[in-house]
Each structure stands twice: as C-alpha cells, then as structure tokens.
Amino acid sequence: MSPTLTRRRLLAGVAATVGLAGTAGAAAWAGGAFDARLVTPTSDLVARAEAARRRADARTVTTTLNPRPVTLDLGGRQVQTWGYAESAPGPLIRARAGDLVRVEVANALPVTTSVHWHGIALRNDMDGVPGLTQEPIPAGGRHTYEFTAPDPGTYFYHPHSGVQLDRALYGVLVVDDPHESGGYDAEWVVVLDDWIDGTGRTPDDVLASLRSMGGHGDMGGHGDMGGMNHGGTGGMPASGMPMGGMETMTSALLGGAGDVTYPHYLINGRAPAAPATLTARPRQRVRIRLVNAASDTAFRVALGGHRLTLTHTDGFPVVPTVIDALVLGMGERADVTVLLGDGVFPLVAVAEGKTGQGLALVRTGAGGTPAATVRPAELDRRVLITAASRAADTVALDSRRPDRVHRLVLGGSMMPYRWTINGATFDDLDPLLVRQGERVRLEFVNRTTMFHPMHLHGHTFAVGSGGARKDTVIVTPKQTVAVDFDADNPGQWMTHCHNIYHAETGMMIDMAYQA
C-alpha cells in the first residue's frame, strides 16, 4: 500500500495544529485531513447516503444526554462515578425505524467525551469516534447528534473515548419495527455490566496498571494489582491455579476469560445482594432485550425454570431457536422470548471464566427470594453462542463471492500489555480500503489465548454462509471467523475488539471507503 495512506500519515497533517491526545481512538480530529482518495466523514457521499435514508413521514425523536459525575446506588453500596443519570443504565431512547434521532449532549465531565451509537448503520459523521469522525466534545461543551435510524432492533450508546465505557456511561436505543406484529405481552430491557469504578480504583487506574506490565519479564510484583485478572492465559490467572468454578464451561465455549477482576456484576445497575425485580403475570409471554454493556466480561445468561427462544441477534431476526442459556460477548445484544411460570425466578448472568454473577428477579406470583449465589440448572444445559444462529430469510445476505478480502490477524500479549491487528497497534496501521458497492469479507484470525468480540461500525455482516446478521462477533482463541458485508455506507469506520482495554491499547483499525 502507498505510504501516503498509512494511519500515521493521515494524522500527520493535523497533528501539528490540533495535537495528538495520546490514546488510541482519540488521536486527533482528522476531518478534511485524510488522503484525497478516501471518503471523509464530511464528504458529500456521506450526506447523500443519509438523504437516501430519510423519509418524508419520519418523526423526529429528540432527547438530551448530560454526562456528568454522579453517585450510584448499586444495591447497598454507593459509588462515585460518571453517568448519564443518577442510575444505570442511562435514559432509554426509543424510535421507530426510519425516524430521525436528534440527541444533544451537554458534557459536564471534567474531560472530553463522545457518544457512539453501537450497531446503527448511521451517517458517518455522527458515529461518535473522536479523531476519526468528529472532534471530541470538550469539558463544558455541547454537541448534537442527528441521524436516521434505518433498521429496527436493540442497540446501545456509549462513549468512544478512552475507557469511559467502564463507568455508567451507557444506555439503550430501541428502534421499533412499525410492521412487527409483536406476539408478546410485555417487554423488558436487561443490561449486563461489570463494575469496578468507585470501589477503590477507576477504569483509568486499571488501564494504567495493565500498561505498567510492559517491560516486565514475569508477574513478580503484580500480585497485588487490584482489578487485574490476567485471564489472557486462557481462563487461568498468572499463578496457574483455577479461579473457581467456571473453568469447565469457559474452556468449552470461549476458551478464556477477560483481563480484569471485577468486584461486582450488575443487571440493570444492581448487584445481586439487592437485585432489580421484573414483574409480570403467569402465562404471559415476555420479550427480553439483552444488552452486554460490560467492558471485559462475557456473560452466560439463563432464567431459572424456563427455556428461552432466541429471536434476534444484534438487532436482526434469526430463525427462532429454543435454548436454555446463551452467551453474550461485550457489545453483543440478543432478543429472547419466554413464557413465564408462576412464582419467583432468578435471571442469572454468570461472568464467563471469572468468579461472580449478576442477578435479577422475575416475579409473577408468591415465592421466596433466591440466594444471590443461586445457579440455575439451565446454565449447564443447551447453551448457545449467538453467532451460531441462522439469519431469518428476510435479512439473510444473498450468496455472492466477495470482491475484496481483508485478513485481520489478532495478536497481543499480557506482558507487555499490547493488543494488535496484523502485528501493529492502531496508530501504525494502514486503513482497510473498500469501495462503495463491494461485497467485503473480513477474516478474523485469532492468534491469542483470549477471546475477542470484534465489532464493525456502521454496518452489519453475515457470520459465515447464511449466518446471523450481526455487528459484533466473538472470535475464540486460535480460531478464524469470516464475516461478509456489503459496502453501502461510505465514510471512515472503526473495526475493533470490544474488550475496551484491548481496543484502547491497540486492537482497532480504520475501514476507509475510497472516493
């Protein structure tokens, strides 16, 4: 590739006047500074693509987000953190497919921030990636996001700035299908999270601890580094001793854990000692919209005493599949339906490869409260990773040979703490080039002992031939996953691991449309 198209060269034109922020994904606003052969976020092609999505009868959904320091009650424990509200998750935003979404962000944080609309095939200049699609929103500043939400589904929003996601800066965006018949009596939005902020360390402290491992040839001196799991060894901490109870399941499914040990796992902002309660009546059919907003943890989810029917992954319908439990990587979403029994039942999200779980209660009648450590038998029965599902005929990608194939070799290590694509970190990577109208294949080749939930901005892809339509897919250790998508949304789009600590230390790359 021509050296004029390297990521470092693309940023060089603005580095002198704007300055590099020093973290991956927030280097410098490069609007107008890209190579002339690339489609920039401010290009007329981006504006025309948005105009084609607009409908004359579309409503405008307007809301305000106010990221700020907040005090959260996790269920008996008060923590100081950053959030969009005095509870987690942040405000639910709801629109219909084709609606115009307008969100004004008033930044009351002491640092810059942004909002990324995870999973939405929106206009490129509204994607919320500082250094690539917009200027960061300064402390005390304001920014308005305005975009058409083209596809129904379950999505969420969060910053794309440092490790801010590992606080309470996340919320759910539901895009309803006006033509969907429903077929359920009630709906619950259920958000899963791993929590460390305000417990004696911050996510930035954790990132600094992970980075401090660079240059050390062994784990000596790091045994007391709070918040570190060292799960890069494939589900074992550095000592090689089991972490307790989860190794058999993990090795069968994901092959590894995350890198951070969390003191709390939350469902809808509540710890298991004081769980959130979801209420309904016996024999009601409920749609549950599951969102994994965690930064370093995959969850295995089950509802005690019930089987679940998977209907959607990452917003798009799949062939309905009856399961006992499902695994969601960071950034993944799934919609399931369930016919409820009579009583009180535990909705459990076990942290894969780690010790601990989130808990919520489903109450349809009388009954005692399950223990915080309850373990439904369904967790060990028919368990599905959502990428193994099949796309519904209405959204299946047509069979076609790819016009272009990009091979992304996922690499890295715990010592030094550095995660790469094709042997380099973000600032030193050439962009992945595509052209409008191409069928593009991404081959994710995982050479590490970690699992990586790989996320593509601005598009959905098919996992394998006829596979589920998704925007985030788990790539397990030493495995290759191929995904296909149509290049139909011009601009500059991030592709990265949705382990926020992996992304922040290098495992992301720009996918750039050629003009």
Protein backbone atom coordinates (compact mmCIF):
# COMPACT_ATOMS: atom_id res chain seq x y z
CA MET A 1 0.00 0.00 0.00
CA SER A 2 1.16 3.53 -0.69
CA PRO A 3 2.78 5.03 2.43
CA THR A 4 0.58 8.10 1.97
CA LEU A 5 -2.36 6.01 3.19
CA THR A 6 -0.93 4.87 6.50
CA ARG A 7 -2.80 5.87 9.64
CA ARG A 8 0.21 7.80 10.92
CA ARG A 9 0.44 9.81 7.68
CA LEU A 10 -3.29 10.52 7.70
CA LEU A 11 -2.98 12.13 11.12
CA ALA A 12 0.28 13.91 10.47
CA GLY A 13 -1.39 16.77 8.60
CA VAL A 14 -3.37 17.84 11.65
CA ALA A 15 -1.06 16.75 14.47
CA ALA A 16 0.91 19.97 14.39
CA THR A 17 -2.14 22.22 14.69
CA VAL A 18 -4.58 20.09 16.66
CA GLY A 19 -2.29 17.82 18.68
CA LEU A 20 -2.49 14.12 19.42
CA ALA A 21 -4.50 13.21 22.50
CA GLY A 22 -2.25 10.22 23.12
CA THR A 23 -4.79 7.38 23.23
CA ALA A 24 -5.99 5.04 20.52
CA GLY A 25 -9.30 6.15 19.05
CA ALA A 26 -8.89 9.74 20.25
CA ALA A 27 -5.77 10.85 18.43
CA ALA A 28 -6.85 13.98 16.58
CA TRP A 29 -9.82 15.22 14.61
CA ALA A 30 -8.84 14.42 11.07
CA GLY A 31 -11.85 15.84 9.22
CA GLY A 32 -10.56 17.21 5.94
CA ALA A 33 -7.05 15.87 6.59
CA PHE A 34 -7.46 12.43 5.05
CA ASP A 35 -5.88 11.44 1.79
CA ALA A 36 -7.93 12.88 -1.06
CA ARG A 37 -8.56 9.36 -2.35
CA LEU A 38 -10.62 8.49 0.75
CA VAL A 39 -14.22 9.36 1.62
CA THR A 40 -14.14 11.65 4.64
CA PRO A 41 -16.93 11.94 7.24
CA THR A 42 -17.79 15.38 5.83
CA SER A 43 -17.95 14.15 2.22
CA ASP A 44 -20.98 14.78 0.02
CA LEU A 45 -21.20 10.99 -0.39
CA VAL A 46 -21.95 10.69 3.33
CA ALA A 47 -24.59 13.39 3.12
CA ARG A 48 -26.18 11.74 0.08
CA ALA A 49 -26.30 8.35 1.80
CA GLU A 50 -28.12 9.95 4.73
CA ALA A 51 -30.53 11.76 2.42
CA ALA A 52 -31.42 8.42 0.81
CA ARG A 53 -32.34 7.04 4.26
CA ARG A 54 -34.61 9.97 5.13
CA ARG A 55 -38.38 9.51 4.83
CA ALA A 56 -40.86 12.29 4.29
CA ASP A 57 -43.16 10.94 7.02
CA ALA A 58 -40.42 10.34 9.59
CA ARG A 59 -40.86 11.56 13.12
CA THR A 60 -38.08 13.36 14.98
CA VAL A 61 -37.15 11.82 18.33
CA THR A 62 -35.39 14.40 20.48
CA THR A 63 -33.58 13.91 23.77
CA THR A 64 -30.67 15.27 25.81
CA LEU A 65 -27.77 13.41 27.40
CA ASN A 66 -25.83 15.01 30.25
CA PRO A 67 -22.68 13.00 31.04
CA ARG A 68 -21.57 14.10 34.50
CA PRO A 69 -20.17 12.93 37.85
CA VAL A 70 -22.90 11.00 39.68
CA THR A 71 -23.44 8.90 42.79
CA LEU A 72 -24.92 5.48 42.07
CA ASP A 73 -26.57 3.05 44.45
CA LEU A 74 -25.56 -0.41 43.25
CA GLY A 75 -27.81 -2.01 45.85
CA GLY A 76 -26.49 -1.09 49.26
CA ARG A 77 -23.18 0.32 48.04
CA GLN A 78 -22.81 3.95 46.97
CA VAL A 79 -20.15 4.67 44.34
CA GLN A 80 -18.87 7.85 42.77
CA THR A 81 -18.68 7.53 39.01
CA TRP A 82 -19.63 9.18 35.73
CA GLY A 83 -23.01 8.59 34.15
CA TYR A 84 -25.85 9.94 32.04
CA ALA A 85 -28.27 9.75 35.00
CA GLU A 86 -28.37 9.01 38.72
CA SER A 87 -28.92 5.36 37.83
CA ALA A 88 -27.59 2.85 35.33
CA PRO A 89 -28.22 2.30 32.51
CA GLY A 90 -28.82 5.82 31.19
CA PRO A 91 -32.07 7.04 29.62
CA LEU A 92 -33.82 4.63 27.25
CA ILE A 93 -34.12 6.19 23.80
CA ARG A 94 -36.90 4.79 21.64
CA ALA A 95 -37.61 5.43 17.97
CA ARG A 96 -39.24 3.70 15.01
CA ALA A 97 -37.28 2.50 12.00
CA GLY A 98 -36.85 5.45 9.68
CA ASP A 99 -37.19 8.08 12.41
CA LEU A 100 -34.75 10.95 12.75
CA VAL A 101 -32.95 10.79 16.11
CA ARG A 102 -31.63 14.08 17.49
CA VAL A 103 -29.61 13.96 20.71
CA GLU A 104 -27.97 16.99 22.29
CA VAL A 105 -25.04 16.11 24.53
CA ALA A 106 -24.10 18.58 27.27
CA ASN A 107 -20.74 17.47 28.65
CA ALA A 108 -20.43 18.15 32.39
CA LEU A 109 -17.50 15.77 32.79
CA PRO A 110 -14.04 17.11 33.65
CA VAL A 111 -12.69 15.55 30.43
CA THR A 112 -13.63 15.30 26.75
CA THR A 113 -16.16 12.68 25.70
CA SER A 114 -18.23 11.39 22.77
CA VAL A 115 -21.25 9.17 22.07
CA HIS A 116 -21.07 6.17 19.73
CA TRP A 117 -24.35 4.63 18.52
CA HIS A 118 -23.37 0.97 18.65
CA GLY A 119 -24.82 -1.17 15.85
CA ILE A 120 -26.62 1.62 13.98
CA ALA A 121 -25.87 1.95 10.25
CA LEU A 122 -25.97 5.72 10.54
CA ARG A 123 -24.29 8.61 8.75
CA ASN A 124 -20.52 8.54 9.22
CA ASP A 125 -20.10 12.00 10.74
CA MET A 126 -22.46 11.01 13.59
CA ASP A 127 -20.67 7.77 14.55
CA GLY A 128 -19.05 9.36 17.59
CA VAL A 129 -15.36 8.45 17.22
CA PRO A 130 -13.09 11.35 18.20
CA GLY A 131 -10.09 11.57 15.93
CA LEU A 132 -11.90 9.87 13.08
CA THR A 133 -15.46 11.18 12.64
CA GLN A 134 -15.70 14.21 14.92
CA GLU A 135 -13.90 16.50 17.31
CA PRO A 136 -14.10 15.35 20.92
CA ILE A 137 -16.77 17.11 22.96
CA PRO A 138 -14.81 19.34 25.36
CA ALA A 139 -15.49 19.59 29.06
CA GLY A 140 -18.35 22.08 29.36
CA GLY A 141 -19.10 21.77 25.66
CA ARG A 142 -22.13 20.65 23.69
CA HIS A 143 -22.61 18.54 20.59
CA THR A 144 -25.71 17.48 18.65
CA TYR A 145 -26.01 14.07 17.02
CA GLU A 146 -28.66 13.81 14.31
CA PHE A 147 -29.16 10.69 12.21
CA THR A 148 -31.74 8.41 10.67
CA ALA A 149 -32.17 5.08 12.48
CA PRO A 150 -32.75 2.83 9.46
CA ASP A 151 -33.11 -0.66 10.95
CA PRO A 152 -35.28 -1.95 13.78
CA GLY A 153 -33.51 -3.66 16.64
CA THR A 154 -31.84 -3.46 20.04
CA TYR A 155 -28.85 -1.12 20.11
CA PHE A 156 -27.00 0.87 22.71
CA TYR A 157 -24.92 4.01 23.10
CA HIS A 158 -21.68 4.72 24.95
CA PRO A 159 -18.55 6.88 24.69
CA HIS A 160 -15.77 6.03 22.27
CA SER A 161 -13.28 7.91 24.44
CA GLY A 162 -10.66 6.06 26.43
CA VAL A 163 -12.13 3.59 28.92
CA GLN A 164 -15.16 5.74 29.78
CA LEU A 165 -17.48 2.84 28.89
CA ASP A 166 -16.28 1.09 32.06
CA ARG A 167 -18.27 3.56 34.17
CA ALA A 168 -22.04 4.22 33.96
CA LEU A 169 -21.84 5.96 30.58
CA TYR A 170 -24.12 3.66 28.61
CA GLY A 171 -27.77 3.38 27.67
CA VAL A 172 -30.08 1.50 25.32
CA LEU A 173 -31.54 2.65 22.00
CA VAL A 174 -34.52 0.57 20.85
CA VAL A 175 -35.63 1.00 17.25
CA ASP A 176 -39.11 -0.45 16.81
CA ASP A 177 -40.40 -2.10 13.66
CA PRO A 178 -43.75 -0.47 12.79
CA HIS A 179 -44.70 -3.61 10.84
CA GLU A 180 -43.88 -6.12 13.57
CA SER A 181 -46.90 -7.98 14.91
CA GLY A 182 -45.37 -8.46 18.34
CA GLY A 183 -46.65 -11.72 19.75
CA TYR A 184 -45.67 -10.94 23.33
CA ASP A 185 -47.44 -9.39 26.32
CA ALA A 186 -44.63 -7.40 27.88
CA GLU A 187 -41.07 -6.28 27.21
CA TRP A 188 -38.04 -5.96 29.45
CA VAL A 189 -34.75 -4.24 28.66
CA VAL A 190 -31.99 -6.03 30.57
CA VAL A 191 -28.47 -4.57 30.62
CA LEU A 192 -25.46 -6.55 31.87
CA ASP A 193 -22.32 -4.88 33.21
CA ASP A 194 -19.10 -5.50 35.08
CA TRP A 195 -18.34 -2.88 37.74
CA ILE A 196 -15.16 -1.53 39.34
CA ASP A 197 -15.41 2.28 39.41
CA GLY A 198 -15.68 3.87 42.84
CA THR A 199 -14.57 0.72 44.67
CA GLY A 200 -11.05 1.94 45.37
CA ARG A 201 -9.89 2.22 41.78
CA THR A 202 -11.11 3.69 38.50
CA PRO A 203 -11.03 2.21 34.99
CA ASP A 204 -8.15 4.57 34.23
CA ASP A 205 -6.27 3.12 37.22
CA VAL A 206 -6.87 -0.37 35.86
CA LEU A 207 -5.64 0.62 32.39
CA ALA A 208 -2.52 2.20 33.90
CA SER A 209 -1.85 -1.00 35.90
CA LEU A 210 -2.22 -3.15 32.80
CA ARG A 211 0.10 -0.89 30.82
CA SER A 212 2.67 -0.91 33.63
CA MET A 213 3.22 -4.61 32.93
CA GLY A 214 5.23 -3.60 29.86
CA GLY A 215 8.90 -4.37 30.23
CA HIS A 216 8.42 -6.95 32.98
CA GLY A 217 9.55 -10.46 32.10
CA ASP A 218 7.38 -12.13 34.76
CA MET A 219 4.44 -11.50 37.03
CA GLY A 220 6.62 -10.67 40.03
CA GLY A 221 5.46 -7.57 41.81
CA HIS A 222 2.00 -7.60 40.25
CA GLY A 223 0.20 -9.97 42.59
CA ASP A 224 -1.42 -7.08 44.48
CA MET A 225 -2.51 -5.05 41.47
CA GLY A 226 -6.19 -4.73 42.23
CA GLY A 227 -8.54 -5.11 39.33
CA MET A 228 -6.33 -7.41 37.28
CA ASN A 229 -7.33 -10.91 36.32
CA HIS A 230 -4.57 -11.99 33.90
CA GLY A 231 -7.13 -14.07 32.08
CA GLY A 232 -5.03 -13.95 28.93
CA THR A 233 -3.64 -17.31 29.93
CA GLY A 234 -6.86 -18.94 28.80
CA GLY A 235 -9.03 -18.76 31.90
CA MET A 236 -6.21 -19.13 34.46
CA PRO A 237 -4.60 -16.36 36.49
CA ALA A 238 -0.85 -15.94 36.39
CA SER A 239 -0.32 -18.48 39.16
CA GLY A 240 -1.91 -21.20 37.02
CA MET A 241 -4.43 -22.03 39.73
CA PRO A 242 -8.14 -22.14 38.84
CA MET A 243 -10.16 -19.02 39.54
CA GLY A 244 -13.04 -21.08 40.86
CA GLY A 245 -15.98 -22.91 39.44
CA MET A 246 -16.15 -21.69 35.86
CA GLU A 247 -13.20 -23.28 34.06
CA THR A 248 -15.05 -26.27 32.58
CA MET A 249 -17.69 -24.11 30.95
CA THR A 250 -15.26 -21.49 29.74
CA SER A 251 -12.90 -23.92 28.08
CA ALA A 252 -15.81 -25.45 26.19
CA LEU A 253 -17.15 -22.18 24.85
CA LEU A 254 -14.86 -19.14 24.85
CA GLY A 255 -11.55 -20.68 25.81
CA GLY A 256 -10.51 -17.79 28.05
CA ALA A 257 -11.60 -15.04 30.40
CA GLY A 258 -11.02 -11.30 30.42
CA ASP A 259 -8.13 -9.35 31.90
CA VAL A 260 -9.85 -7.58 34.80
CA THR A 261 -11.24 -8.91 38.08
CA TYR A 262 -14.43 -7.04 38.97
CA PRO A 263 -15.93 -6.84 42.48
CA HIS A 264 -19.48 -6.52 41.12
CA TYR A 265 -21.54 -7.78 38.19
CA LEU A 266 -24.72 -5.83 37.59
CA ILE A 267 -28.08 -6.34 35.94
CA ASN A 268 -29.83 -3.03 35.29
CA GLY A 269 -27.41 -1.29 37.62
CA ARG A 270 -28.00 -3.53 40.64
CA ALA A 271 -25.74 -6.02 42.38
CA PRO A 272 -27.03 -9.50 43.38
CA ALA A 273 -27.41 -8.52 47.04
CA ALA A 274 -30.22 -6.11 46.08
CA PRO A 275 -31.36 -7.22 42.62
CA ALA A 276 -33.68 -5.46 40.23
CA THR A 277 -37.12 -7.08 40.02
CA LEU A 278 -39.02 -7.66 36.78
CA THR A 279 -42.75 -8.24 37.31
CA ALA A 280 -45.38 -9.89 35.13
CA ARG A 281 -48.20 -12.44 35.38
CA PRO A 282 -48.07 -16.21 34.94
CA ARG A 283 -48.51 -17.43 31.35
CA GLN A 284 -47.52 -14.08 29.90
CA ARG A 285 -45.08 -14.13 27.01
CA VAL A 286 -42.29 -11.59 27.53
CA ARG A 287 -39.71 -10.23 25.10
CA ILE A 288 -36.37 -9.63 26.82
CA ARG A 289 -33.90 -7.32 25.12
CA LEU A 290 -30.47 -8.31 26.46
CA VAL A 291 -27.50 -5.94 26.13
CA ASN A 292 -23.96 -6.72 27.28
CA ALA A 293 -22.54 -3.29 28.13
CA ALA A 294 -19.57 -4.76 30.00
CA SER A 295 -16.01 -3.76 29.20
CA ASP A 296 -14.10 -7.00 29.88
CA THR A 297 -16.68 -9.72 30.62
CA ALA A 298 -18.77 -12.12 28.59
CA PHE A 299 -21.90 -13.40 30.33
CA ARG A 300 -23.81 -16.68 30.24
CA VAL A 301 -27.50 -15.87 30.77
CA ALA A 302 -30.34 -18.11 31.91
CA LEU A 303 -33.75 -17.77 33.57
CA GLY A 304 -34.26 -20.43 36.22
CA GLY A 305 -37.11 -22.83 35.48
CA HIS A 306 -37.58 -21.62 31.90
CA ARG A 307 -36.40 -22.15 28.35
CA LEU A 308 -35.75 -19.18 26.10
CA THR A 309 -36.46 -18.65 22.40
CA LEU A 310 -33.78 -16.63 20.65
CA THR A 311 -35.42 -14.34 18.06
CA HIS A 312 -32.84 -11.63 17.27
CA THR A 313 -29.09 -11.08 17.46
CA ASP A 314 -27.58 -7.58 17.35
CA GLY A 315 -30.98 -6.27 16.29
CA PHE A 316 -31.63 -8.58 13.32
CA PRO A 317 -34.07 -11.54 13.30
CA VAL A 318 -32.82 -15.12 13.31
CA VAL A 319 -34.52 -18.46 12.80
CA PRO A 320 -36.16 -18.90 16.24
CA THR A 321 -34.14 -21.28 18.39
CA VAL A 322 -35.16 -22.77 21.75
CA ILE A 323 -32.28 -22.74 24.24
CA ASP A 324 -31.63 -22.96 27.97
CA ALA A 325 -28.92 -20.29 28.11
CA LEU A 326 -26.92 -18.03 25.82
CA VAL A 327 -23.51 -16.39 25.89
CA LEU A 328 -23.13 -12.70 25.08
CA GLY A 329 -19.74 -11.11 24.45
CA MET A 330 -19.09 -7.45 25.15
CA GLY A 331 -21.12 -5.29 22.77
CA GLU A 332 -23.46 -8.10 21.70
CA ARG A 333 -27.25 -7.94 22.08
CA ALA A 334 -29.90 -10.63 21.87
CA ASP A 335 -33.70 -10.66 21.99
CA VAL A 336 -35.39 -13.69 23.52
CA THR A 337 -38.99 -14.54 24.34
CA VAL A 338 -40.14 -16.63 27.27
CA LEU A 339 -43.46 -18.00 28.52
CA LEU A 340 -43.47 -17.30 32.23
CA GLY A 341 -44.33 -19.69 35.02
CA ASP A 342 -45.87 -18.87 38.40
CA GLY A 343 -43.54 -17.81 41.20
CA VAL A 344 -40.20 -16.06 41.70
CA PHE A 345 -37.34 -16.98 39.38
CA PRO A 346 -33.66 -15.97 39.12
CA LEU A 347 -32.41 -14.30 35.95
CA VAL A 348 -28.69 -15.00 36.21
CA ALA A 349 -25.74 -13.67 34.19
CA VAL A 350 -22.62 -15.65 35.07
CA ALA A 351 -19.30 -13.98 34.29
CA GLU A 352 -17.66 -16.42 31.86
CA GLY A 353 -14.25 -17.56 33.07
CA LYS A 354 -14.48 -15.48 36.24
CA THR A 355 -15.91 -15.82 39.72
CA GLY A 356 -19.19 -13.97 40.18
CA GLN A 357 -22.52 -13.27 38.55
CA GLY A 358 -25.27 -10.74 38.07
CA LEU A 359 -28.79 -11.42 39.31
CA ALA A 360 -32.27 -10.06 38.70
CA LEU A 361 -35.57 -11.46 39.93
CA VAL A 362 -38.57 -12.34 37.78
CA ARG A 363 -41.69 -12.24 39.92
CA THR A 364 -45.07 -13.47 38.67
CA GLY A 365 -46.51 -14.69 41.98
CA ALA A 366 -45.72 -15.71 45.53
CA GLY A 367 -42.41 -17.30 46.46
CA GLY A 368 -39.19 -16.87 48.35
CA THR A 369 -36.27 -14.82 47.10
CA PRO A 370 -33.46 -16.92 45.59
CA ALA A 371 -30.00 -16.56 47.10
CA ALA A 372 -27.59 -14.13 45.44
CA THR A 373 -25.41 -17.12 44.51
CA VAL A 374 -28.21 -19.22 43.01
CA ARG A 375 -27.14 -21.26 39.98
CA PRO A 376 -30.00 -22.37 37.72
CA ALA A 377 -29.51 -25.78 36.10
CA GLU A 378 -30.27 -24.19 32.72
CA LEU A 379 -26.78 -22.65 32.72
CA ASP A 380 -25.31 -26.08 32.02
CA ARG A 381 -27.83 -27.40 29.51
CA ARG A 382 -28.27 -26.19 25.93
CA VAL A 383 -26.07 -23.10 25.75
CA LEU A 384 -25.78 -21.06 22.55
CA ILE A 385 -23.25 -18.54 21.32
CA THR A 386 -25.40 -16.19 19.23
CA ALA A 387 -23.11 -16.28 16.18
CA ALA A 388 -24.12 -19.93 15.74
CA SER A 389 -27.71 -18.94 14.92
CA ARG A 390 -29.07 -18.58 11.38
CA ALA A 391 -30.38 -15.39 9.84
CA ALA A 392 -34.09 -15.19 9.10
CA ASP A 393 -34.86 -15.31 5.38
CA THR A 394 -35.97 -11.67 5.44
CA VAL A 395 -32.48 -10.44 6.39
CA ALA A 396 -30.18 -13.18 5.09
CA LEU A 397 -27.33 -11.87 2.96
CA ASP A 398 -27.54 -13.17 -0.59
CA SER A 399 -24.86 -15.62 -1.69
CA ARG A 400 -22.10 -13.84 -3.58
CA ARG A 401 -18.35 -14.10 -3.95
CA PRO A 402 -16.52 -11.32 -2.13
CA ASP A 403 -14.98 -8.59 -4.23
CA ARG A 404 -12.40 -7.93 -1.56
CA VAL A 405 -10.99 -9.92 1.36
CA HIS A 406 -9.20 -8.39 4.34
CA ARG A 407 -7.39 -10.73 6.72
CA LEU A 408 -7.14 -9.37 10.26
CA VAL A 409 -4.71 -11.32 12.42
CA LEU A 410 -5.48 -10.65 16.10
CA GLY A 411 -2.39 -10.66 18.26
CA GLY A 412 -1.02 -9.39 21.52
CA SER A 413 0.05 -10.33 25.00
CA MET A 414 -0.38 -9.51 28.66
CA MET A 415 3.32 -8.61 29.09
CA PRO A 416 3.77 -6.13 27.66
CA TYR A 417 0.08 -5.28 27.61
CA ARG A 418 -0.33 -4.62 23.90
CA TRP A 419 -3.05 -5.86 21.52
CA THR A 420 -2.62 -5.74 17.76
CA ILE A 421 -4.15 -6.29 14.35
CA ASN A 422 -1.74 -7.61 11.72
CA GLY A 423 1.17 -7.09 14.08
CA ALA A 424 0.62 -3.38 14.73
CA THR A 425 -1.41 -1.12 17.00
CA PHE A 426 -3.97 1.37 15.74
CA ASP A 427 -1.76 4.40 15.17
CA ASP A 428 0.62 2.41 12.95
CA LEU A 429 -1.96 0.52 10.89
CA ASP A 430 -2.90 1.16 7.29
CA PRO A 431 -6.66 1.54 6.86
CA LEU A 432 -8.66 -1.30 5.34
CA LEU A 433 -9.67 0.02 1.91
CA VAL A 434 -13.08 -0.72 0.37
CA ARG A 435 -15.19 0.73 -2.43
CA GLN A 436 -18.88 1.52 -2.50
CA GLY A 437 -20.91 -1.47 -3.73
CA GLU A 438 -18.37 -4.15 -2.97
CA ARG A 439 -19.07 -7.36 -1.09
CA VAL A 440 -16.31 -7.39 1.51
CA ARG A 441 -15.08 -10.30 3.60
CA LEU A 442 -13.25 -9.82 6.89
CA GLU A 443 -11.33 -12.83 8.15
CA PHE A 444 -10.64 -12.51 11.87
CA VAL A 445 -7.71 -14.82 12.69
CA ASN A 446 -7.20 -15.09 16.45
CA ARG A 447 -3.60 -15.97 17.31
CA THR A 448 -4.05 -15.21 21.02
CA THR A 449 -5.25 -17.18 24.05
CA MET A 450 -8.03 -14.63 24.63
CA PHE A 451 -11.47 -14.37 23.03
CA HIS A 452 -12.12 -11.13 21.17
CA PRO A 453 -15.62 -9.73 20.43
CA MET A 454 -14.89 -7.95 17.14
CA HIS A 455 -17.17 -5.02 16.29
CA LEU A 456 -17.63 -3.26 12.94
CA HIS A 457 -19.08 0.25 12.96
CA GLY A 458 -21.76 1.42 10.54
CA HIS A 459 -22.58 -2.00 9.00
CA THR A 460 -23.96 -5.43 9.75
CA PHE A 461 -22.32 -8.58 8.48
CA ALA A 462 -23.26 -12.21 7.96
CA VAL A 463 -21.31 -14.74 10.01
CA GLY A 464 -20.31 -17.44 7.54
CA SER A 465 -22.65 -18.61 4.78
CA GLY A 466 -26.26 -17.84 5.67
CA GLY A 467 -25.25 -16.96 9.21
CA ALA A 468 -26.73 -14.47 11.62
CA ARG A 469 -26.64 -10.78 10.73
CA LYS A 470 -24.51 -9.10 13.39
CA ASP A 471 -22.16 -6.21 14.05
CA THR A 472 -20.20 -7.89 16.88
CA VAL A 473 -18.88 -11.46 16.80
CA ILE A 474 -16.86 -13.50 19.29
CA VAL A 475 -13.61 -14.90 17.91
CA THR A 476 -12.36 -17.62 20.24
CA PRO A 477 -8.67 -18.45 20.81
CA LYS A 478 -6.74 -19.89 17.87
CA GLN A 479 -9.84 -19.79 15.66
CA THR A 480 -10.79 -17.93 12.47
CA VAL A 481 -14.19 -16.33 11.85
CA ALA A 482 -15.13 -14.97 8.40
CA VAL A 483 -17.86 -12.36 8.02
CA ASP A 484 -19.27 -10.76 4.86
CA PHE A 485 -20.91 -7.36 4.44
CA ASP A 486 -21.96 -5.02 1.68
CA ALA A 487 -20.06 -1.74 1.48
CA ASP A 488 -23.10 0.52 1.29
CA ASN A 489 -22.39 3.22 3.90
CA PRO A 490 -19.49 5.47 2.85
CA GLY A 491 -17.04 7.01 5.27
CA GLN A 492 -14.45 6.04 7.86
CA TRP A 493 -15.44 3.19 10.19
CA MET A 494 -13.72 1.59 13.14
CA THR A 495 -13.28 -2.17 13.42
CA HIS A 496 -12.07 -3.20 16.87
CA CYS A 497 -12.18 -5.56 19.79
CA HIS A 498 -14.98 -4.63 22.19
CA ASN A 499 -12.88 -5.52 25.16
CA ILE A 500 -12.33 -1.84 25.91
CA TYR A 501 -8.85 -2.46 27.34
CA HIS A 502 -7.76 -4.33 24.22
CA ALA A 503 -9.13 -1.59 21.96
CA GLU A 504 -7.52 1.18 23.97
CA THR A 505 -4.11 -0.50 23.77
CA GLY A 506 -4.18 -1.02 20.04
CA MET A 507 -6.66 -3.64 18.74
CA MET A 508 -8.59 -1.42 16.34
CA ILE A 509 -8.30 -0.38 12.73
CA ASP A 510 -9.97 2.10 10.36
CA MET A 511 -12.02 0.77 7.43
CA ALA A 512 -11.90 3.51 4.82
CA TYR A 513 -14.00 3.93 1.68
CA GLN A 514 -12.11 5.02 -1.39
CA ALA A 515 -13.54 8.02 -3.18
